[in-house]
Each structure stands twice: as C-alpha cells, then as structure tokens.
Amino acid sequence: MLRPEDDFELPVFDRPMEDPPSRVPYEVAVRAFEEIIAAFKLREKTTHVAEDIPEFKM
C-alpha cells in the first residue's frame, strides 16, 4: 500500500498532444492498466478463426 508521502499523479495523454495531459492518481492508473491486461489475457485464451481474405490484385 502506498504511504501518503509516496502518493503521486501520472500525466495521461487522453487528448490531442497540444493540450496538457490529464493528471490521474497512481492507484486509478494501476486499476485501469489491470483491466486492460485482464481483457488482453481473456482475448489470448479465446481461439480465433483465421479469415480467408482474397488476394488483392490491381
């Protein structure tokens, strides 16, 4: 667990780069990354059928 003196915010670029980044508390960012990682792990476990894409010729 983080101690209050160790608490900090992370800059998150959720808008065009010209705008200043949002400030997100560390614990919120970690939770968001854990959700993304869990979604990717679930996706890795599911089998995907290869698509039959016809060759493109000009």
Protein backbone atom coordinates (compact mmCIF):
# COMPACT_ATOMS: atom_id res chain seq x y z
CA MET A 1 0.00 0.00 0.00
CA LEU A 2 1.22 3.47 -0.77
CA ARG A 3 2.06 5.81 2.02
CA PRO A 4 0.61 9.34 1.70
CA GLU A 5 4.09 10.78 1.15
CA ASP A 6 4.61 8.36 -1.77
CA ASP A 7 1.35 9.30 -3.49
CA PHE A 8 1.74 10.96 -6.87
CA GLU A 9 -0.18 11.56 -10.09
CA LEU A 10 0.67 10.39 -13.58
CA PRO A 11 0.26 12.52 -16.71
CA VAL A 12 -2.16 10.77 -19.08
CA PHE A 13 -2.39 11.99 -22.67
CA ASP A 14 -6.08 11.42 -23.32
CA ARG A 15 -6.46 14.47 -25.55
CA PRO A 16 -4.52 15.83 -28.53
CA MET A 17 -0.85 16.38 -27.72
CA GLU A 18 -1.25 20.17 -27.91
CA ASP A 19 -3.41 20.12 -24.76
CA PRO A 20 -1.87 19.50 -21.36
CA PRO A 21 -2.26 15.91 -20.14
CA SER A 22 -4.80 14.93 -17.53
CA ARG A 23 -3.49 14.19 -14.04
CA VAL A 24 -4.52 10.74 -12.83
CA PRO A 25 -3.77 9.38 -9.35
CA TYR A 26 -1.37 6.42 -9.41
CA GLU A 27 -3.87 3.93 -7.93
CA VAL A 28 -6.51 4.85 -10.55
CA ALA A 29 -3.97 4.37 -13.35
CA VAL A 30 -2.92 0.98 -11.98
CA ARG A 31 -6.54 -0.20 -11.82
CA ALA A 32 -7.11 0.90 -15.43
CA PHE A 33 -4.00 -0.94 -16.63
CA GLU A 34 -5.05 -4.09 -14.73
CA GLU A 35 -8.42 -4.01 -16.51
CA ILE A 36 -6.71 -3.66 -19.89
CA ILE A 37 -4.30 -6.51 -19.12
CA ALA A 38 -7.18 -8.74 -17.98
CA ALA A 39 -9.03 -8.06 -21.24
CA PHE A 40 -5.96 -8.99 -23.29
CA LYS A 41 -5.42 -12.18 -21.28
CA LEU A 42 -9.05 -13.17 -21.90
CA ARG A 43 -8.60 -12.43 -25.59
CA GLU A 44 -5.47 -14.63 -25.72
CA LYS A 45 -7.41 -17.57 -24.27
CA THR A 46 -10.16 -17.45 -26.90
CA THR A 47 -9.49 -19.14 -30.22
CA HIS A 48 -9.71 -17.01 -33.32
CA VAL A 49 -10.57 -18.37 -36.73
CA ALA A 50 -8.28 -17.09 -39.44
CA GLU A 51 -10.13 -15.03 -42.01
CA ASP A 52 -9.95 -16.08 -45.63
CA ILE A 53 -9.14 -12.77 -47.31
CA PRO A 54 -8.84 -12.95 -51.09
CA GLU A 55 -5.64 -11.66 -52.61
CA PHE A 56 -5.88 -8.09 -53.86
CA LYS A 57 -4.78 -7.57 -57.44
CA MET A 58 -4.82 -4.36 -59.43
